[in-house]
Amino acid sequence: MPRGKHRHGYNWNVPDKDKTNVKVPKEIMEEVQQFAQELWEQRKRSEEQMSQSVQEDSDNA
């Protein structure tokens, strides 16, 4: 089963117009997908932490 337990892979929650296709050698395709997934999750966590800290700052003001 593809990563993320989705039938066709992980649902990135990104509209199709904001997606792109990248051609890589088949030998490294799985590694590239895994790295992209980890990078995406890292950025989402970072964005969530930033929004929480901004919200906490506004609550303390």
PDB file of N, CA and C in Angstrom:
ATOM      1  N   MET A   1       0.850  -1.179   0.000  1.00  0.00           N
ATOM      2  CA  MET A   1       0.000   0.000   0.000  1.00  0.00           C
ATOM      3  C   MET A   1       0.890   1.236   0.000  1.00  0.00           C
ATOM      4  N   PRO A   2       0.544   2.255  -0.764  1.00  0.00           N
ATOM      5  CA  PRO A   2       1.341   3.481  -0.807  1.00  0.00           C
ATOM      6  C   PRO A   2       1.398   4.170   0.552  1.00  0.00           C
ATOM      7  N   ARG A   3       2.353   5.038   0.693  1.00  0.00           N
ATOM      8  CA  ARG A   3       2.563   5.777   1.936  1.00  0.00           C
ATOM      9  C   ARG A   3       1.315   6.574   2.312  1.00  0.00           C
ATOM     10  N   GLY A   4       1.025   6.631   3.591  1.00  0.00           N
ATOM     11  CA  GLY A   4      -0.117   7.388   4.067  1.00  0.00           C
ATOM     12  C   GLY A   4      -1.395   6.576   4.108  1.00  0.00           C
ATOM     13  N   LYS A   5      -1.310   5.291   3.783  1.00  0.00           N
ATOM     14  CA  LYS A   5      -2.451   4.370   3.790  1.00  0.00           C
ATOM     15  C   LYS A   5      -3.576   4.813   2.868  1.00  0.00           C
ATOM     16  N   HIS A   6      -3.238   5.576   1.849  1.00  0.00           N
ATOM     17  CA  HIS A   6      -4.212   5.955   0.843  1.00  0.00           C
ATOM     18  C   HIS A   6      -3.996   5.072  -0.369  1.00  0.00           C
ATOM     19  N   ARG A   7      -5.055   4.719  -1.038  1.00  0.00           N
ATOM     20  CA  ARG A   7      -4.958   3.804  -2.165  1.00  0.00           C
ATOM     21  C   ARG A   7      -4.036   4.326  -3.262  1.00  0.00           C
ATOM     22  N   HIS A   8      -4.083   5.611  -3.520  1.00  0.00           N
ATOM     23  CA  HIS A   8      -3.269   6.192  -4.583  1.00  0.00           C
ATOM     24  C   HIS A   8      -2.181   7.094  -4.026  1.00  0.00           C
ATOM     25  N   GLY A   9      -1.728   6.816  -2.818  1.00  0.00           N
ATOM     26  CA  GLY A   9      -0.672   7.618  -2.216  1.00  0.00           C
ATOM     27  C   GLY A   9      -1.225   8.635  -1.238  1.00  0.00           C
ATOM     28  N   TYR A  10      -0.344   9.416  -0.697  1.00  0.00           N
ATOM     29  CA  TYR A  10      -0.704  10.389   0.333  1.00  0.00           C
ATOM     30  C   TYR A  10      -1.511  11.541  -0.245  1.00  0.00           C
ATOM     31  N   ASN A  11      -2.543  11.938   0.465  1.00  0.00           N
ATOM     32  CA  ASN A  11      -3.337  13.100   0.083  1.00  0.00           C
ATOM     33  C   ASN A  11      -2.622  14.339   0.614  1.00  0.00           C
ATOM     34  N   TRP A  12      -2.060  15.112  -0.273  1.00  0.00           N
ATOM     35  CA  TRP A  12      -1.238  16.252   0.108  1.00  0.00           C
ATOM     36  C   TRP A  12      -2.067  17.463   0.519  1.00  0.00           C
ATOM     37  N   ASN A  13      -3.373  17.439   0.297  1.00  0.00           N
ATOM     38  CA  ASN A  13      -4.235  18.592   0.578  1.00  0.00           C
ATOM     39  C   ASN A  13      -3.752  19.836  -0.159  1.00  0.00           C
ATOM     40  N   VAL A  14      -3.347  19.635  -1.403  1.00  0.00           N
ATOM     41  CA  VAL A  14      -2.895  20.720  -2.267  1.00  0.00           C
ATOM     42  C   VAL A  14      -3.721  20.641  -3.540  1.00  0.00           C
ATOM     43  N   PRO A  15      -4.298  21.757  -3.977  1.00  0.00           N
ATOM     44  CA  PRO A  15      -5.090  21.723  -5.211  1.00  0.00           C
ATOM     45  C   PRO A  15      -4.232  21.328  -6.409  1.00  0.00           C
ATOM     46  N   ASP A  16      -4.861  20.706  -7.393  1.00  0.00           N
ATOM     47  CA  ASP A  16      -4.140  20.240  -8.576  1.00  0.00           C
ATOM     48  C   ASP A  16      -3.375  21.359  -9.267  1.00  0.00           C
ATOM     49  N   LYS A  17      -3.923  22.567  -9.250  1.00  0.00           N
ATOM     50  CA  LYS A  17      -3.246  23.677  -9.930  1.00  0.00           C
ATOM     51  C   LYS A  17      -1.923  24.036  -9.260  1.00  0.00           C
ATOM     52  N   ASP A  18      -1.739  23.646  -7.995  1.00  0.00           N
ATOM     53  CA  ASP A  18      -0.501  23.946  -7.279  1.00  0.00           C
ATOM     54  C   ASP A  18       0.472  22.772  -7.262  1.00  0.00           C
ATOM     55  N   LYS A  19       0.116  21.670  -7.928  1.00  0.00           N
ATOM     56  CA  LYS A  19       0.985  20.500  -7.985  1.00  0.00           C
ATOM     57  C   LYS A  19       1.809  20.529  -9.265  1.00  0.00           C
ATOM     58  N   THR A  20       2.869  19.767  -9.260  1.00  0.00           N
ATOM     59  CA  THR A  20       3.716  19.655 -10.438  1.00  0.00           C
ATOM     60  C   THR A  20       4.153  18.208 -10.596  1.00  0.00           C
ATOM     61  N   ASN A  21       4.578  17.853 -11.775  1.00  0.00           N
ATOM     62  CA  ASN A  21       5.118  16.521 -12.025  1.00  0.00           C
ATOM     63  C   ASN A  21       6.618  16.643 -12.211  1.00  0.00           C
ATOM     64  N   VAL A  22       7.336  15.746 -11.575  1.00  0.00           N
ATOM     65  CA  VAL A  22       8.782  15.730 -11.694  1.00  0.00           C
ATOM     66  C   VAL A  22       9.180  14.356 -12.203  1.00  0.00           C
ATOM     67  N   LYS A  23       9.997  14.331 -13.221  1.00  0.00           N
ATOM     68  CA  LYS A  23      10.450  13.057 -13.765  1.00  0.00           C
ATOM     69  C   LYS A  23      11.807  12.725 -13.167  1.00  0.00           C
ATOM     70  N   VAL A  24      11.863  11.560 -12.522  1.00  0.00           N
ATOM     71  CA  VAL A  24      13.108  11.079 -11.928  1.00  0.00           C
ATOM     72  C   VAL A  24      13.302   9.633 -12.362  1.00  0.00           C
ATOM     73  N   PRO A  25      14.522   9.126 -12.291  1.00  0.00           N
ATOM     74  CA  PRO A  25      14.744   7.717 -12.636  1.00  0.00           C
ATOM     75  C   PRO A  25      13.932   6.804 -11.728  1.00  0.00           C
ATOM     76  N   LYS A  26      13.414   5.734 -12.294  1.00  0.00           N
ATOM     77  CA  LYS A  26      12.578   4.801 -11.536  1.00  0.00           C
ATOM     78  C   LYS A  26      13.305   4.238 -10.323  1.00  0.00           C
ATOM     79  N   GLU A  27      14.623   4.111 -10.423  1.00  0.00           N
ATOM     80  CA  GLU A  27      15.401   3.524  -9.329  1.00  0.00           C
ATOM     81  C   GLU A  27      15.308   4.350  -8.048  1.00  0.00           C
ATOM     82  N   ILE A  28      15.101   5.650  -8.172  1.00  0.00           N
ATOM     83  CA  ILE A  28      15.066   6.503  -6.978  1.00  0.00           C
ATOM     84  C   ILE A  28      13.681   7.085  -6.713  1.00  0.00           C
ATOM     85  N   MET A  29      12.692   6.714  -7.498  1.00  0.00           N
ATOM     86  CA  MET A  29      11.357   7.297  -7.374  1.00  0.00           C
ATOM     87  C   MET A  29      10.786   7.151  -5.963  1.00  0.00           C
ATOM     88  N   GLU A  30      10.877   5.961  -5.402  1.00  0.00           N
ATOM     89  CA  GLU A  30      10.306   5.734  -4.077  1.00  0.00           C
ATOM     90  C   GLU A  30      11.002   6.587  -3.019  1.00  0.00           C
ATOM     91  N   GLU A  31      12.317   6.707  -3.111  1.00  0.00           N
ATOM     92  CA  GLU A  31      13.062   7.528  -2.156  1.00  0.00           C
ATOM     93  C   GLU A  31      12.696   9.000  -2.290  1.00  0.00           C
ATOM     94  N   VAL A  32      12.526   9.463  -3.517  1.00  0.00           N
ATOM     95  CA  VAL A  32      12.157  10.860  -3.752  1.00  0.00           C
ATOM     96  C   VAL A  32      10.771  11.136  -3.179  1.00  0.00           C
ATOM     97  N   GLN A  33       9.834  10.213  -3.390  1.00  0.00           N
ATOM     98  CA  GLN A  33       8.484  10.392  -2.847  1.00  0.00           C
ATOM     99  C   GLN A  33       8.520  10.427  -1.327  1.00  0.00           C
ATOM    100  N   GLN A  34       9.308   9.545  -0.728  1.00  0.00           N
ATOM    101  CA  GLN A  34       9.397   9.504   0.727  1.00  0.00           C
ATOM    102  C   GLN A  34      10.020  10.797   1.265  1.00  0.00           C
ATOM    103  N   PHE A  35      11.080  11.270   0.617  1.00  0.00           N
ATOM    104  CA  PHE A  35      11.713  12.513   1.044  1.00  0.00           C
ATOM    105  C   PHE A  35      10.747  13.688   0.916  1.00  0.00           C
ATOM    106  N   ALA A  36      10.006  13.724  -0.193  1.00  0.00           N
ATOM    107  CA  ALA A  36       9.032  14.804  -0.403  1.00  0.00           C
ATOM    108  C   ALA A  36       7.960  14.769   0.678  1.00  0.00           C
ATOM    109  N   GLN A  37       7.508  13.571   1.037  1.00  0.00           N
ATOM    110  CA  GLN A  37       6.497  13.422   2.083  1.00  0.00           C
ATOM    111  C   GLN A  37       7.027  13.950   3.411  1.00  0.00           C
ATOM    112  N   GLU A  38       8.247  13.566   3.763  1.00  0.00           N
ATOM    113  CA  GLU A  38       8.837  14.011   5.025  1.00  0.00           C
ATOM    114  C   GLU A  38       9.034  15.528   5.039  1.00  0.00           C
ATOM    115  N   LEU A  39       9.466  16.077   3.922  1.00  0.00           N
ATOM    116  CA  LEU A  39       9.646  17.524   3.815  1.00  0.00           C
ATOM    117  C   LEU A  39       8.317  18.249   3.973  1.00  0.00           C
ATOM    118  N   TRP A  40       7.270  17.724   3.339  1.00  0.00           N
ATOM    119  CA  TRP A  40       5.941  18.329   3.424  1.00  0.00           C
ATOM    120  C   TRP A  40       5.432  18.307   4.864  1.00  0.00           C
ATOM    121  N   GLU A  41       5.586  17.167   5.539  1.00  0.00           N
ATOM    122  CA  GLU A  41       5.134  17.057   6.926  1.00  0.00           C
ATOM    123  C   GLU A  41       5.916  18.016   7.825  1.00  0.00           C
ATOM    124  N   GLN A  42       7.216  18.142   7.582  1.00  0.00           N
ATOM    125  CA  GLN A  42       8.044  19.057   8.362  1.00  0.00           C
ATOM    126  C   GLN A  42       7.582  20.498   8.178  1.00  0.00           C
ATOM    127  N   ARG A  43       7.289  20.888   6.961  1.00  0.00           N
ATOM    128  CA  ARG A  43       6.821  22.255   6.703  1.00  0.00           C
ATOM    129  C   ARG A  43       5.463  22.499   7.338  1.00  0.00           C
ATOM    130  N   LYS A  44       4.572  21.514   7.285  1.00  0.00           N
ATOM    131  CA  LYS A  44       3.252  21.666   7.906  1.00  0.00           C
ATOM    132  C   LYS A  44       3.397  21.859   9.412  1.00  0.00           C
ATOM    133  N   ARG A  45       4.268  21.052  10.055  1.00  0.00           N
ATOM    134  CA  ARG A  45       4.490  21.202  11.498  1.00  0.00           C
ATOM    135  C   ARG A  45       5.046  22.587  11.811  1.00  0.00           C
ATOM    136  N   SER A  46       5.973  23.040  10.998  1.00  0.00           N
ATOM    137  CA  SER A  46       6.574  24.357  11.202  1.00  0.00           C
ATOM    138  C   SER A  46       5.524  25.456  11.081  1.00  0.00           C
ATOM    139  N   GLU A  47       4.666  25.359  10.063  1.00  0.00           N
ATOM    140  CA  GLU A  47       3.600  26.349   9.884  1.00  0.00           C
ATOM    141  C   GLU A  47       2.636  26.337  11.062  1.00  0.00           C
ATOM    142  N   GLU A  48       2.306  25.136  11.561  1.00  0.00           N
ATOM    143  CA  GLU A  48       1.386  25.029  12.693  1.00  0.00           C
ATOM    144  C   GLU A  48       2.003  25.653  13.944  1.00  0.00           C
ATOM    145  N   GLN A  49       3.299  25.414  14.169  1.00  0.00           N
ATOM    146  CA  GLN A  49       3.967  25.985  15.332  1.00  0.00           C
ATOM    147  C   GLN A  49       4.003  27.508  15.243  1.00  0.00           C
ATOM    148  N   MET A  50       4.270  28.024  14.043  1.00  0.00           N
ATOM    149  CA  MET A  50       4.301  29.477  13.854  1.00  0.00           C
ATOM    150  C   MET A  50       2.930  30.083  14.121  1.00  0.00           C
ATOM    151  N   SER A  51       1.880  29.456  13.607  1.00  0.00           N
ATOM    152  CA  SER A  51       0.538  30.001  13.799  1.00  0.00           C
ATOM    153  C   SER A  51       0.126  29.914  15.270  1.00  0.00           C
ATOM    154  N   GLN A  52       0.550  28.854  15.966  1.00  0.00           N
ATOM    155  CA  GLN A  52       0.233  28.735  17.386  1.00  0.00           C
ATOM    156  C   GLN A  52       0.961  29.802  18.198  1.00  0.00           C
ATOM    157  N   SER A  53       2.226  30.059  17.872  1.00  0.00           N
ATOM    158  CA  SER A  53       2.974  31.069  18.629  1.00  0.00           C
ATOM    159  C   SER A  53       2.416  32.465  18.364  1.00  0.00           C
ATOM    160  N   VAL A  54       1.984  32.737  17.145  1.00  0.00           N
ATOM    161  CA  VAL A  54       1.370  34.031  16.832  1.00  0.00           C
ATOM    162  C   VAL A  54       0.057  34.169  17.585  1.00  0.00           C
ATOM    163  N   GLN A  55      -0.710  33.086  17.634  1.00  0.00           N
ATOM    164  CA  GLN A  55      -1.991  33.118  18.332  1.00  0.00           C
ATOM    165  C   GLN A  55      -1.766  33.318  19.833  1.00  0.00           C
ATOM    166  N   GLU A  56      -0.759  32.647  20.403  1.00  0.00           N
ATOM    167  CA  GLU A  56      -0.462  32.811  21.822  1.00  0.00           C
ATOM    168  C   GLU A  56      -0.024  34.240  22.123  1.00  0.00           C
ATOM    169  N   ASP A  57       0.767  34.828  21.224  1.00  0.00           N
ATOM    170  CA  ASP A  57       1.205  36.210  21.415  1.00  0.00           C
ATOM    171  C   ASP A  57       0.016  37.163  21.409  1.00  0.00           C
ATOM    172  N   SER A  58      -0.937  36.937  20.513  1.00  0.00           N
ATOM    173  CA  SER A  58      -2.106  37.817  20.449  1.00  0.00           C
ATOM    174  C   SER A  58      -3.013  37.596  21.664  1.00  0.00           C
ATOM    175  N   ASP A  59      -3.041  36.367  22.195  1.00  0.00           N
ATOM    176  CA  ASP A  59      -3.838  36.099  23.392  1.00  0.00           C
ATOM    177  C   ASP A  59      -3.229  36.776  24.620  1.00  0.00           C
ATOM    178  N   ASN A  60      -1.912  36.873  24.656  1.00  0.00           N
ATOM    179  CA  ASN A  60      -1.224  37.476  25.798  1.00  0.00           C
ATOM    180  C   ASN A  60      -1.225  38.997  25.736  1.00  0.00           C
ATOM    181  N   ALA A  61      -1.568  39.558  24.615  1.00  0.00           N
ATOM    182  CA  ALA A  61      -1.527  41.025  24.463  1.00  0.00           C
ATOM    183  C   ALA A  61      -2.709  41.703  25.103  1.00  0.00           C
TER     184      ALA A  61
END
